[in-house]
Amino acid sequence: MADFSRPGSLYGAIDLGARKQALEAQARREAAGPQAASSASIVDVTEETFTTDVIDRSMRVPVVLDLWSPRAPGSAQLSPVLEKVVGDLGGRAVLAKVNVDASPQIAQALRVQAVPTVLAIFQGQAVTGFQQVLPEQEVRRWLDELMNAVEQFYQANPDARPPAAGDQEPAGPPADPDLVAAEQAVERGDLDAAAEAYQRLLARAPGNEDAKMGLAGVHLIKRTEGVDPADVQRRLQDPADLDAQLLAADLEMLSGSIDEAFNRIIAVVKRTSGDERDKARRHLLGLFDALPAEDPSLAKARRALASALF
């Protein structure tokens, strides 16, 4: 049974629907602790993510590339050592793990002859590496030499050094007054005023994502004001009650069950036709607007919707 529990405030509910601010806050919280920093320093890389996770990251921090294979006993020995020593750096380096069996083109491009192979990538270039199983002490020595070389590079090129954690970011452009007005209206619970402010901003800047998500969030809250979740659960026993299905999806969005909400409406689209199908489709598109364009749930749901329609 779906969990229709609701966030503690209207503003929190809208943020949860959009997930943009929530995801940013979660990233900041995770960065605060050494254990989380250690986890964030280890990524699994594929051919699709190599540029982002290795090349782009290497412009800020050294990336230790672990080219491994589940068929190679040496990989099982070396990989945990690499995870430990890179994790101990607390985010000053990243360990990128590449399964060469699953991503053979990466191994071919790097001319890897055997696994395990370890390469250090910095500023987009392979700068050092080794091709054997080393004990932890030697891996630490190799990594210390790498980090010392990186520090020497930054001393010689101070402008290339990325901002240290905790450094103040440069001030961005001032917030749009309508966006500020909308957020203040949401804080005091005036959803009509918030919607008007978002609509004013969208009239001037139709592509403004914050306004689009904010307005969709306001609509989501307004649709569920005064709704009894228990009554919605009872109404779901009638498969023909389309409005109950749409309300259930709204409540799932508010509770953070994004994929469940999307899947519910897509299932309705599949089994309906005519006006009912179009109503469900338009409702789903409205929920899509509550998420940032890069949200991974969107791409999946859009594909599923297209399949249901065609």
Protein backbone atom coordinates (compact mmCIF):
# COMPACT_ATOMS: atom_id res chain seq x y z
CA MET A 1 0.00 0.00 0.00
CA ALA A 2 1.31 3.44 -0.85
CA ASP A 3 2.64 5.64 1.94
CA PHE A 4 0.79 8.96 1.76
CA SER A 5 2.53 10.59 4.73
CA ARG A 6 3.10 14.28 4.13
CA PRO A 7 6.01 16.62 4.86
CA GLY A 8 5.74 18.97 7.79
CA SER A 9 5.28 22.23 5.87
CA LEU A 10 4.02 23.46 2.54
CA TYR A 11 7.45 24.71 1.59
CA GLY A 12 8.99 21.35 2.47
CA ALA A 13 6.38 19.57 0.39
CA ILE A 14 7.08 21.67 -2.66
CA ASP A 15 10.81 21.18 -2.27
CA LEU A 16 10.27 17.45 -1.94
CA GLY A 17 8.17 17.40 -5.08
CA ALA A 18 10.85 19.26 -7.02
CA ARG A 19 13.72 17.47 -5.23
CA LYS A 20 16.18 20.06 -6.48
CA GLN A 21 16.83 21.83 -3.19
CA ALA A 22 16.52 18.58 -1.25
CA LEU A 23 19.18 16.90 -3.36
CA GLU A 24 21.50 19.87 -2.95
CA ALA A 25 21.01 19.86 0.82
CA GLN A 26 21.65 16.13 0.98
CA ALA A 27 24.91 16.58 -0.91
CA ARG A 28 26.00 19.24 1.56
CA ARG A 29 25.15 17.00 4.52
CA GLU A 30 27.04 14.07 3.03
CA ALA A 31 30.09 16.23 2.46
CA ALA A 32 30.21 17.10 6.15
CA GLY A 33 31.32 13.69 7.46
CA PRO A 34 34.52 11.76 6.71
CA GLN A 35 32.68 8.50 6.18
CA ALA A 36 30.36 10.08 3.61
CA ALA A 37 33.26 11.86 1.97
CA SER A 38 35.06 8.56 1.67
CA SER A 39 32.04 6.97 0.01
CA ALA A 40 31.62 9.91 -2.38
CA SER A 41 35.28 9.48 -3.41
CA ILE A 42 34.59 6.08 -5.00
CA VAL A 43 32.59 5.81 -8.24
CA ASP A 44 31.82 3.01 -10.68
CA VAL A 45 32.52 4.20 -14.21
CA THR A 46 31.07 3.06 -17.53
CA GLU A 47 31.79 4.08 -21.10
CA GLU A 48 28.86 6.51 -20.88
CA THR A 49 30.10 8.19 -17.68
CA PHE A 50 33.86 8.11 -18.31
CA THR A 51 34.11 11.70 -19.51
CA THR A 52 32.13 13.11 -16.58
CA ASP A 53 33.44 10.87 -13.80
CA VAL A 54 37.08 10.71 -14.89
CA ILE A 55 38.13 13.43 -17.33
CA ASP A 56 35.98 16.24 -15.93
CA ARG A 57 36.72 15.35 -12.30
CA SER A 58 40.43 15.13 -13.00
CA MET A 59 40.43 18.86 -13.75
CA ARG A 60 39.77 19.43 -10.03
CA VAL A 61 41.26 16.45 -8.20
CA PRO A 62 43.44 13.50 -9.19
CA VAL A 63 41.43 10.44 -10.25
CA VAL A 64 42.85 7.00 -9.50
CA LEU A 65 41.55 4.68 -12.20
CA ASP A 66 41.16 1.04 -11.11
CA LEU A 67 40.80 -1.09 -14.24
CA TRP A 68 39.65 -4.44 -12.92
CA SER A 69 37.92 -7.65 -13.95
CA PRO A 70 35.87 -10.12 -11.91
CA ARG A 71 37.88 -12.84 -13.69
CA ALA A 72 41.21 -11.55 -12.36
CA PRO A 73 42.18 -12.75 -8.85
CA GLY A 74 44.57 -9.82 -8.55
CA SER A 75 41.68 -7.38 -8.86
CA ALA A 76 39.99 -8.90 -5.84
CA GLN A 77 43.18 -8.31 -3.85
CA LEU A 78 44.02 -4.82 -5.07
CA SER A 79 40.62 -3.11 -5.31
CA PRO A 80 39.86 -3.13 -1.54
CA VAL A 81 43.32 -1.67 -0.87
CA LEU A 82 42.70 1.14 -3.34
CA GLU A 83 39.30 1.85 -1.84
CA LYS A 84 40.86 2.12 1.61
CA VAL A 85 43.83 4.33 0.79
CA VAL A 86 41.93 6.68 -1.52
CA GLY A 87 39.05 6.87 0.95
CA ASP A 88 41.51 7.90 3.67
CA LEU A 89 42.26 11.06 1.68
CA GLY A 90 38.82 12.42 2.55
CA GLY A 91 37.86 13.57 -0.93
CA ARG A 92 41.22 14.95 -2.05
CA ALA A 93 41.28 12.23 -4.72
CA VAL A 94 38.67 10.07 -6.43
CA LEU A 95 38.79 6.34 -7.09
CA ALA A 96 37.10 5.50 -10.39
CA LYS A 97 36.47 1.76 -10.87
CA VAL A 98 36.15 0.38 -14.39
CA ASN A 99 35.07 -3.20 -15.03
CA VAL A 100 36.97 -3.84 -18.27
CA ASP A 101 34.70 -6.77 -19.14
CA ALA A 102 31.65 -4.47 -19.09
CA SER A 103 33.47 -1.47 -20.61
CA PRO A 104 36.04 -2.89 -23.05
CA GLN A 105 36.31 0.34 -25.06
CA ILE A 106 37.82 2.15 -22.07
CA ALA A 107 40.49 -0.52 -21.73
CA GLN A 108 41.20 -0.36 -25.46
CA ALA A 109 41.47 3.43 -25.46
CA LEU A 110 43.91 3.32 -22.55
CA ARG A 111 45.85 0.42 -24.12
CA VAL A 112 45.44 -1.75 -21.06
CA GLN A 113 47.28 -5.03 -21.58
CA ALA A 114 46.44 -6.76 -18.29
CA VAL A 115 44.34 -6.34 -15.19
CA PRO A 116 44.54 -5.06 -12.61
CA THR A 117 45.96 -1.83 -14.01
CA VAL A 118 45.96 1.41 -12.04
CA LEU A 119 46.34 4.81 -13.69
CA ALA A 120 46.36 8.27 -12.16
CA ILE A 121 44.47 10.83 -14.27
CA PHE A 122 45.06 14.52 -13.59
CA GLN A 123 44.11 17.51 -15.70
CA GLY A 124 42.75 15.10 -18.28
CA GLN A 125 46.03 13.17 -18.69
CA ALA A 126 47.36 9.84 -17.42
CA VAL A 127 50.35 10.89 -15.31
CA THR A 128 51.47 7.71 -13.58
CA GLY A 129 50.35 4.18 -12.80
CA PHE A 130 51.23 0.56 -12.20
CA GLN A 131 50.14 -2.85 -13.49
CA GLN A 132 50.48 -5.30 -10.64
CA VAL A 133 49.17 -6.17 -7.21
CA LEU A 134 50.99 -4.08 -4.61
CA PRO A 135 50.77 -4.31 -0.82
CA GLU A 136 48.98 -1.49 0.97
CA GLN A 137 52.20 0.20 2.12
CA GLU A 138 53.48 0.50 -1.45
CA VAL A 139 50.12 1.70 -2.74
CA ARG A 140 50.16 4.42 -0.06
CA ARG A 141 53.67 5.42 -1.06
CA TRP A 142 52.63 5.63 -4.72
CA LEU A 143 49.58 7.70 -3.81
CA ASP A 144 51.65 10.03 -1.59
CA GLU A 145 53.99 10.68 -4.51
CA LEU A 146 51.00 11.43 -6.72
CA MET A 147 49.49 13.87 -4.23
CA ASN A 148 52.86 15.58 -3.75
CA ALA A 149 53.17 16.02 -7.51
CA VAL A 150 49.66 17.45 -7.65
CA GLU A 151 50.50 19.92 -4.88
CA GLN A 152 53.64 21.00 -6.72
CA PHE A 153 51.53 21.58 -9.84
CA TYR A 154 49.15 23.82 -7.89
CA GLN A 155 52.02 25.73 -6.29
CA ALA A 156 53.37 26.45 -9.76
CA ASN A 157 49.87 27.18 -11.12
CA PRO A 158 47.90 28.74 -8.24
CA ASP A 159 45.07 29.91 -10.50
CA ALA A 160 44.31 26.29 -11.37
CA ARG A 161 43.69 25.27 -7.75
CA PRO A 162 39.98 24.59 -7.07
CA PRO A 163 38.33 26.35 -4.08
CA ALA A 164 38.92 24.57 -0.79
CA ALA A 165 35.95 23.10 1.04
CA GLY A 166 34.33 25.82 3.08
CA ASP A 167 35.66 28.66 0.93
CA GLN A 168 32.97 31.20 0.19
CA GLU A 169 31.58 30.92 -3.30
CA PRO A 170 31.45 34.08 -5.39
CA ALA A 171 28.14 35.87 -5.02
CA GLY A 172 25.74 34.98 -7.80
CA PRO A 173 23.28 37.29 -9.50
CA PRO A 174 20.49 38.67 -7.28
CA ALA A 175 17.40 36.50 -7.03
CA ASP A 176 14.48 37.45 -9.25
CA PRO A 177 12.00 39.52 -7.18
CA ASP A 178 9.05 37.40 -8.32
CA LEU A 179 10.88 34.25 -7.32
CA VAL A 180 11.58 35.75 -3.88
CA ALA A 181 7.95 36.84 -3.58
CA ALA A 182 6.74 33.35 -4.50
CA GLU A 183 8.98 31.67 -1.94
CA GLN A 184 7.91 34.10 0.77
CA ALA A 185 4.26 33.46 -0.09
CA VAL A 186 4.81 29.72 0.15
CA GLU A 187 6.46 30.18 3.54
CA ARG A 188 3.40 31.96 4.91
CA GLY A 189 1.02 29.48 3.26
CA ASP A 190 -0.44 31.87 0.66
CA LEU A 191 -0.49 29.53 -2.31
CA ASP A 192 -2.56 31.84 -4.53
CA ALA A 193 -0.02 34.64 -4.16
CA ALA A 194 2.81 32.17 -4.79
CA ALA A 195 1.16 30.94 -7.98
CA GLU A 196 0.65 34.51 -9.21
CA ALA A 197 4.32 35.34 -8.60
CA TYR A 198 5.52 32.20 -10.38
CA GLN A 199 3.21 32.95 -13.30
CA ARG A 200 4.55 36.51 -13.57
CA LEU A 201 8.08 35.17 -13.74
CA LEU A 202 7.16 32.56 -16.35
CA ALA A 203 5.47 35.23 -18.46
CA ARG A 204 8.80 37.07 -18.58
CA ALA A 205 11.05 34.00 -18.67
CA PRO A 206 9.15 30.93 -19.94
CA GLY A 207 12.20 28.72 -19.53
CA ASN A 208 12.84 29.50 -15.86
CA GLU A 209 13.07 26.07 -14.25
CA ASP A 210 12.69 27.26 -10.66
CA ALA A 211 9.43 29.01 -11.50
CA LYS A 212 8.15 26.03 -13.47
CA MET A 213 8.89 23.62 -10.62
CA GLY A 214 7.55 26.02 -8.02
CA LEU A 215 4.26 26.53 -9.85
CA ALA A 216 3.84 22.78 -10.36
CA GLY A 217 4.52 22.29 -6.65
CA VAL A 218 1.91 24.88 -5.70
CA HIS A 219 -0.66 23.19 -7.92
CA LEU A 220 0.23 19.87 -6.36
CA ILE A 221 -0.36 21.22 -2.85
CA LYS A 222 -3.62 22.93 -3.80
CA ARG A 223 -5.00 19.74 -5.35
CA THR A 224 -4.42 17.81 -2.14
CA GLU A 225 -5.57 20.41 0.40
CA GLY A 226 -8.19 18.85 2.65
CA VAL A 227 -7.79 15.41 1.08
CA ASP A 228 -8.09 12.48 3.49
CA PRO A 229 -5.42 9.89 2.53
CA ALA A 230 -7.45 7.11 4.13
CA ASP A 231 -10.44 8.01 1.95
CA VAL A 232 -8.20 7.95 -1.13
CA GLN A 233 -7.01 4.47 -0.14
CA ARG A 234 -10.61 3.28 0.12
CA ARG A 235 -11.51 4.78 -3.26
CA LEU A 236 -8.62 2.98 -4.90
CA GLN A 237 -10.58 -0.26 -4.48
CA ASP A 238 -12.69 0.91 -7.43
CA PRO A 239 -10.49 0.61 -10.56
CA ALA A 240 -12.83 2.95 -12.43
CA ASP A 241 -12.26 5.86 -10.01
CA LEU A 242 -9.81 7.86 -12.11
CA ASP A 243 -9.72 10.85 -9.76
CA ALA A 244 -8.69 8.60 -6.87
CA GLN A 245 -5.75 7.31 -8.89
CA LEU A 246 -4.64 10.85 -9.73
CA LEU A 247 -4.98 11.98 -6.11
CA ALA A 248 -3.04 8.94 -4.97
CA ALA A 249 -0.26 9.87 -7.38
CA ASP A 250 -0.26 13.43 -6.02
CA LEU A 251 0.05 12.18 -2.45
CA GLU A 252 2.86 9.83 -3.49
CA MET A 253 4.71 12.77 -5.04
CA LEU A 254 4.37 14.73 -1.80
CA SER A 255 5.66 11.79 0.23
CA GLY A 256 8.70 11.48 -2.03
CA SER A 257 7.57 8.32 -3.83
CA ILE A 258 8.23 9.84 -7.25
CA ASP A 259 8.62 6.66 -9.30
CA GLU A 260 5.54 5.12 -7.69
CA ALA A 261 3.47 8.18 -8.61
CA PHE A 262 4.66 8.08 -12.22
CA ASN A 263 4.12 4.34 -12.53
CA ARG A 264 0.59 4.64 -11.14
CA ILE A 265 -0.51 7.14 -13.78
CA ILE A 266 1.26 5.33 -16.61
CA ALA A 267 -0.68 2.20 -15.63
CA VAL A 268 -3.89 4.27 -15.86
CA VAL A 269 -2.87 5.52 -19.31
CA LYS A 270 -2.34 1.93 -20.45
CA ARG A 271 -5.80 0.73 -19.43
CA THR A 272 -7.89 3.76 -20.42
CA SER A 273 -8.81 5.49 -23.66
CA GLY A 274 -10.35 8.68 -24.94
CA ASP A 275 -10.91 11.55 -22.51
CA GLU A 276 -9.85 9.52 -19.47
CA ARG A 277 -6.53 8.62 -21.02
CA ASP A 278 -5.93 12.24 -22.05
CA LYS A 279 -6.78 13.47 -18.55
CA ALA A 280 -4.30 11.02 -17.01
CA ARG A 281 -1.64 11.97 -19.56
CA ARG A 282 -2.01 15.70 -18.90
CA HIS A 283 -1.91 15.11 -15.15
CA LEU A 284 1.33 13.17 -15.50
CA LEU A 285 2.89 15.94 -17.60
CA GLY A 286 1.99 18.36 -14.81
CA LEU A 287 3.83 16.18 -12.31
CA PHE A 288 6.84 16.07 -14.63
CA ASP A 289 7.03 19.86 -14.31
CA ALA A 290 7.63 19.49 -10.56
CA LEU A 291 11.06 17.95 -11.19
CA PRO A 292 14.31 19.40 -12.53
CA ALA A 293 14.98 18.51 -16.14
CA GLU A 294 17.98 16.33 -15.25
CA ASP A 295 16.12 14.21 -12.69
CA PRO A 296 16.72 10.53 -13.63
CA SER A 297 13.12 9.59 -12.89
CA LEU A 298 11.92 11.84 -15.70
CA ALA A 299 13.73 10.12 -18.55
CA LYS A 300 12.51 6.72 -17.40
CA ALA A 301 8.92 7.88 -17.00
CA ARG A 302 8.89 9.67 -20.36
CA ARG A 303 9.98 6.47 -22.10
CA ALA A 304 7.32 4.48 -20.27
CA LEU A 305 4.65 7.03 -21.16
CA ALA A 306 5.60 6.97 -24.84
CA SER A 307 5.42 3.18 -24.80
CA ALA A 308 2.00 3.29 -23.13
CA LEU A 309 0.66 5.78 -25.66
CA PHE A 310 2.10 4.26 -28.82
